Amino acid sequence: MKRSLFKLVAVCFALFLFACQHPEKPETAFFQNFNFGATIEQMNVVQLQSKTGMGVATTSIEETTERRRGFTLEYILDEGNSGRFDEAVFLNQLKCEIAEQISNAGIRTNGAGSNNDSFYFNYSTDENRGSVEVIGARVEGSKYKLWCVVRESAGIKSDK
């Protein structure tokens, strides 16, 4: 009898915890489909050769669903026959590519900014808010490293 009562209490407690959890809110199509490495590959920059990279993704579910995706890519620069790599031109082109992806996903851009080696976008839908941050830097002479972080909060009412 005690065992059955214990099992019943354990099952009720598990169901209570499950009922108290907040449901995961959906991400935007941009967040779901964004691939930083593929975006750069489609740009066909001849000076950027063989890359190494990694990506990390996290999700936290509470009243809102918080998501984060991080990318780190490193390229070897080939500036021999193809000419000098112009970081400013490259980052401006990359910024335009990402802005187009945000727009094509039907998302409002709420703000943007840039400086010599980085840029960012803030975006929103009716129930999602997010940002994209990109930094590029020449490292070790013939290498170029890029970092990108995409953050998104889902299940909130966004200011229009």
C-alpha atoms as a PDB file:
ATOM      1  CA  MET A   1       0.000   0.000   0.000  1.00  0.00           C
ATOM      2  CA  LYS A   2       2.792   2.435   0.916  1.00  0.00           C
ATOM      3  CA  ARG A   3       4.533   1.732  -2.380  1.00  0.00           C
ATOM      4  CA  SER A   4       1.402   2.440  -4.420  1.00  0.00           C
ATOM      5  CA  LEU A   5       0.788   5.644  -2.492  1.00  0.00           C
ATOM      6  CA  PHE A   6       4.403   6.723  -3.068  1.00  0.00           C
ATOM      7  CA  LYS A   7       4.097   6.027  -6.822  1.00  0.00           C
ATOM      8  CA  LEU A   8       0.840   7.979  -6.973  1.00  0.00           C
ATOM      9  CA  VAL A   9       2.406  10.964  -5.180  1.00  0.00           C
ATOM     10  CA  ALA A  10       5.478  10.815  -7.460  1.00  0.00           C
ATOM     11  CA  VAL A  11       3.334  10.724 -10.617  1.00  0.00           C
ATOM     12  CA  CYS A  12       1.150  13.600  -9.365  1.00  0.00           C
ATOM     13  CA  PHE A  13       4.258  15.646  -8.538  1.00  0.00           C
ATOM     14  CA  ALA A  14       5.732  14.978 -12.008  1.00  0.00           C
ATOM     15  CA  LEU A  15       2.459  15.995 -13.667  1.00  0.00           C
ATOM     16  CA  PHE A  16       2.359  19.154 -11.551  1.00  0.00           C
ATOM     17  CA  LEU A  17       5.897  20.101 -12.615  1.00  0.00           C
ATOM     18  CA  PHE A  18       5.069  19.407 -16.257  1.00  0.00           C
ATOM     19  CA  ALA A  19       1.912  21.546 -16.049  1.00  0.00           C
ATOM     20  CA  CYS A  20       3.895  24.432 -14.515  1.00  0.00           C
ATOM     21  CA  GLN A  21       6.415  24.532 -17.359  1.00  0.00           C
ATOM     22  CA  HIS A  22       6.075  27.307 -19.881  1.00  0.00           C
ATOM     23  CA  PRO A  23       5.560  26.165 -23.455  1.00  0.00           C
ATOM     24  CA  GLU A  24       8.343  26.870 -25.920  1.00  0.00           C
ATOM     25  CA  LYS A  25       7.485  29.806 -28.196  1.00  0.00           C
ATOM     26  CA  PRO A  26       8.370  29.569 -31.899  1.00  0.00           C
ATOM     27  CA  GLU A  27      11.367  31.345 -33.356  1.00  0.00           C
ATOM     28  CA  THR A  28      11.292  33.506 -36.474  1.00  0.00           C
ATOM     29  CA  ALA A  29      12.048  32.007 -39.875  1.00  0.00           C
ATOM     30  CA  PHE A  30      15.195  34.136 -39.927  1.00  0.00           C
ATOM     31  CA  PHE A  31      16.511  32.637 -36.671  1.00  0.00           C
ATOM     32  CA  GLN A  32      15.578  29.129 -37.732  1.00  0.00           C
ATOM     33  CA  ASN A  33      17.175  29.318 -41.191  1.00  0.00           C
ATOM     34  CA  PHE A  34      20.149  31.641 -40.671  1.00  0.00           C
ATOM     35  CA  ASN A  35      23.483  30.020 -41.487  1.00  0.00           C
ATOM     36  CA  PHE A  36      26.424  32.409 -41.124  1.00  0.00           C
ATOM     37  CA  GLY A  37      28.929  30.193 -42.932  1.00  0.00           C
ATOM     38  CA  ALA A  38      26.595  29.570 -45.871  1.00  0.00           C
ATOM     39  CA  THR A  39      25.924  33.302 -46.172  1.00  0.00           C
ATOM     40  CA  ILE A  40      29.648  34.000 -46.507  1.00  0.00           C
ATOM     41  CA  GLU A  41      30.159  31.115 -48.957  1.00  0.00           C
ATOM     42  CA  GLN A  42      27.397  32.487 -51.216  1.00  0.00           C
ATOM     43  CA  MET A  43      29.269  35.787 -51.397  1.00  0.00           C
ATOM     44  CA  ASN A  44      32.137  34.027 -53.270  1.00  0.00           C
ATOM     45  CA  VAL A  45      34.957  36.155 -51.850  1.00  0.00           C
ATOM     46  CA  VAL A  46      38.035  34.818 -53.664  1.00  0.00           C
ATOM     47  CA  GLN A  47      40.491  35.905 -50.948  1.00  0.00           C
ATOM     48  CA  LEU A  48      38.732  33.810 -48.268  1.00  0.00           C
ATOM     49  CA  GLN A  49      40.032  30.261 -48.540  1.00  0.00           C
ATOM     50  CA  SER A  50      39.467  27.094 -46.517  1.00  0.00           C
ATOM     51  CA  LYS A  51      37.636  27.764 -43.307  1.00  0.00           C
ATOM     52  CA  THR A  52      37.367  26.228 -39.912  1.00  0.00           C
ATOM     53  CA  GLY A  53      34.493  26.980 -37.638  1.00  0.00           C
ATOM     54  CA  MET A  54      32.055  26.050 -34.977  1.00  0.00           C
ATOM     55  CA  GLY A  55      28.572  26.932 -33.888  1.00  0.00           C
ATOM     56  CA  VAL A  56      26.775  26.861 -30.568  1.00  0.00           C
ATOM     57  CA  ALA A  57      23.061  27.107 -29.852  1.00  0.00           C
ATOM     58  CA  THR A  58      21.171  27.477 -26.578  1.00  0.00           C
ATOM     59  CA  THR A  59      17.499  27.760 -25.662  1.00  0.00           C
ATOM     60  CA  SER A  60      15.976  28.802 -22.351  1.00  0.00           C
ATOM     61  CA  ILE A  61      12.237  28.382 -21.797  1.00  0.00           C
ATOM     62  CA  GLU A  62      10.537  30.554 -19.204  1.00  0.00           C
ATOM     63  CA  GLU A  63       7.714  33.057 -19.705  1.00  0.00           C
ATOM     64  CA  THR A  64       9.554  33.965 -22.886  1.00  0.00           C
ATOM     65  CA  THR A  65      11.730  31.617 -24.889  1.00  0.00           C
ATOM     66  CA  GLU A  66      15.298  32.907 -25.137  1.00  0.00           C
ATOM     67  CA  ARG A  67      17.481  31.584 -27.926  1.00  0.00           C
ATOM     68  CA  ARG A  68      21.100  32.227 -28.836  1.00  0.00           C
ATOM     69  CA  ARG A  69      23.194  30.976 -31.735  1.00  0.00           C
ATOM     70  CA  GLY A  70      26.886  31.718 -31.979  1.00  0.00           C
ATOM     71  CA  PHE A  71      29.221  31.170 -34.912  1.00  0.00           C
ATOM     72  CA  THR A  72      33.011  31.399 -35.044  1.00  0.00           C
ATOM     73  CA  LEU A  73      34.661  31.077 -38.461  1.00  0.00           C
ATOM     74  CA  GLU A  74      38.311  31.388 -39.430  1.00  0.00           C
ATOM     75  CA  TYR A  75      39.542  31.731 -43.010  1.00  0.00           C
ATOM     76  CA  ILE A  76      42.986  31.725 -44.565  1.00  0.00           C
ATOM     77  CA  LEU A  77      43.491  34.831 -46.691  1.00  0.00           C
ATOM     78  CA  ASP A  78      44.809  34.307 -50.212  1.00  0.00           C
ATOM     79  CA  GLU A  79      45.978  37.742 -51.287  1.00  0.00           C
ATOM     80  CA  GLY A  80      48.471  36.584 -53.930  1.00  0.00           C
ATOM     81  CA  ASN A  81      46.922  36.615 -57.418  1.00  0.00           C
ATOM     82  CA  SER A  82      43.448  37.697 -56.287  1.00  0.00           C
ATOM     83  CA  GLY A  83      44.482  41.035 -54.758  1.00  0.00           C
ATOM     84  CA  ARG A  84      44.395  42.461 -51.279  1.00  0.00           C
ATOM     85  CA  PHE A  85      41.459  41.558 -49.025  1.00  0.00           C
ATOM     86  CA  ASP A  86      39.457  44.700 -48.237  1.00  0.00           C
ATOM     87  CA  GLU A  87      37.854  44.124 -44.842  1.00  0.00           C
ATOM     88  CA  ALA A  88      35.621  47.209 -44.998  1.00  0.00           C
ATOM     89  CA  VAL A  89      34.159  46.253 -48.391  1.00  0.00           C
ATOM     90  CA  PHE A  90      33.664  42.650 -47.265  1.00  0.00           C
ATOM     91  CA  LEU A  91      31.895  43.590 -44.009  1.00  0.00           C
ATOM     92  CA  ASN A  92      29.655  46.080 -45.842  1.00  0.00           C
ATOM     93  CA  GLN A  93      28.682  43.400 -48.362  1.00  0.00           C
ATOM     94  CA  LEU A  94      28.056  40.909 -45.534  1.00  0.00           C
ATOM     95  CA  LYS A  95      25.918  43.497 -43.746  1.00  0.00           C
ATOM     96  CA  CYS A  96      23.803  43.930 -46.897  1.00  0.00           C
ATOM     97  CA  GLU A  97      23.416  40.152 -47.287  1.00  0.00           C
ATOM     98  CA  ILE A  98      22.187  39.722 -43.716  1.00  0.00           C
ATOM     99  CA  ALA A  99      19.856  42.744 -44.015  1.00  0.00           C
ATOM    100  CA  GLU A 100      18.339  41.142 -47.102  1.00  0.00           C
ATOM    101  CA  GLN A 101      17.815  37.841 -45.261  1.00  0.00           C
ATOM    102  CA  ILE A 102      16.062  39.658 -42.412  1.00  0.00           C
ATOM    103  CA  SER A 103      13.844  41.522 -44.879  1.00  0.00           C
ATOM    104  CA  ASN A 104      13.064  38.370 -46.878  1.00  0.00           C
ATOM    105  CA  ALA A 105      11.900  36.690 -43.656  1.00  0.00           C
ATOM    106  CA  GLY A 106       9.286  39.444 -43.262  1.00  0.00           C
ATOM    107  CA  ILE A 107      10.872  40.902 -40.153  1.00  0.00           C
ATOM    108  CA  ARG A 108      11.096  44.578 -39.166  1.00  0.00           C
ATOM    109  CA  THR A 109      14.553  46.011 -38.633  1.00  0.00           C
ATOM    110  CA  ASN A 110      14.365  48.318 -35.603  1.00  0.00           C
ATOM    111  CA  GLY A 111      17.945  49.509 -35.560  1.00  0.00           C
ATOM    112  CA  ALA A 112      21.366  48.952 -37.035  1.00  0.00           C
ATOM    113  CA  GLY A 113      24.874  50.219 -36.628  1.00  0.00           C
ATOM    114  CA  SER A 114      28.433  49.595 -37.652  1.00  0.00           C
ATOM    115  CA  ASN A 115      32.025  50.645 -37.193  1.00  0.00           C
ATOM    116  CA  ASN A 116      35.309  49.588 -38.821  1.00  0.00           C
ATOM    117  CA  ASP A 117      35.212  45.905 -37.914  1.00  0.00           C
ATOM    118  CA  SER A 118      31.666  45.137 -36.749  1.00  0.00           C
ATOM    119  CA  PHE A 119      27.966  45.710 -37.324  1.00  0.00           C
ATOM    120  CA  TYR A 120      24.641  44.796 -35.759  1.00  0.00           C
ATOM    121  CA  PHE A 121      20.902  44.677 -36.467  1.00  0.00           C
ATOM    122  CA  ASN A 122      17.962  44.715 -34.053  1.00  0.00           C
ATOM    123  CA  TYR A 123      14.748  43.211 -35.400  1.00  0.00           C
ATOM    124  CA  SER A 124      11.247  42.285 -34.291  1.00  0.00           C
ATOM    125  CA  THR A 125       7.922  40.728 -35.177  1.00  0.00           C
ATOM    126  CA  ASP A 126       4.713  40.987 -33.195  1.00  0.00           C
ATOM    127  CA  GLU A 127       5.923  38.376 -30.675  1.00  0.00           C
ATOM    128  CA  ASN A 128       9.678  38.140 -31.209  1.00  0.00           C
ATOM    129  CA  ARG A 129      12.641  40.457 -30.664  1.00  0.00           C
ATOM    130  CA  GLY A 130      16.153  39.710 -31.775  1.00  0.00           C
ATOM    131  CA  SER A 131      19.578  40.935 -32.731  1.00  0.00           C
ATOM    132  CA  VAL A 132      22.465  39.943 -34.967  1.00  0.00           C
ATOM    133  CA  GLU A 133      26.016  41.032 -34.134  1.00  0.00           C
ATOM    134  CA  VAL A 134      29.029  40.413 -36.389  1.00  0.00           C
ATOM    135  CA  ILE A 135      32.715  41.114 -35.754  1.00  0.00           C
ATOM    136  CA  GLY A 136      35.549  40.505 -38.195  1.00  0.00           C
ATOM    137  CA  ALA A 137      39.290  40.761 -37.565  1.00  0.00           C
ATOM    138  CA  ARG A 138      42.543  39.928 -39.278  1.00  0.00           C
ATOM    139  CA  VAL A 139      44.531  37.590 -37.017  1.00  0.00           C
ATOM    140  CA  GLU A 140      48.003  36.111 -37.274  1.00  0.00           C
ATOM    141  CA  GLY A 141      48.765  37.955 -40.514  1.00  0.00           C
ATOM    142  CA  SER A 142      47.137  35.693 -43.106  1.00  0.00           C
ATOM    143  CA  LYS A 143      43.973  34.677 -41.274  1.00  0.00           C
ATOM    144  CA  TYR A 144      40.609  36.367 -40.983  1.00  0.00           C
ATOM    145  CA  LYS A 145      38.275  35.492 -38.116  1.00  0.00           C
ATOM    146  CA  LEU A 146      34.543  36.217 -37.861  1.00  0.00           C
ATOM    147  CA  TRP A 147      32.224  35.991 -34.896  1.00  0.00           C
ATOM    148  CA  CYS A 148      28.462  36.185 -35.172  1.00  0.00           C
ATOM    149  CA  VAL A 149      25.833  36.004 -32.423  1.00  0.00           C
ATOM    150  CA  VAL A 150      22.090  35.862 -33.075  1.00  0.00           C
ATOM    151  CA  ARG A 151      19.834  36.313 -30.048  1.00  0.00           C
ATOM    152  CA  GLU A 152      16.066  36.075 -30.045  1.00  0.00           C
ATOM    153  CA  SER A 153      13.327  36.360 -27.427  1.00  0.00           C
ATOM    154  CA  ALA A 154       9.995  34.784 -28.367  1.00  0.00           C
ATOM    155  CA  GLY A 155       6.581  35.126 -26.761  1.00  0.00           C
ATOM    156  CA  ILE A 156       6.695  38.847 -25.997  1.00  0.00           C
ATOM    157  CA  LYS A 157       4.736  41.802 -27.251  1.00  0.00           C
ATOM    158  CA  SER A 158       7.122  43.933 -29.266  1.00  0.00           C
ATOM    159  CA  ASP A 159       6.950  47.707 -29.641  1.00  0.00           C
ATOM    160  CA  LYS A 160       5.977  48.597 -33.170  1.00  0.00           C
END
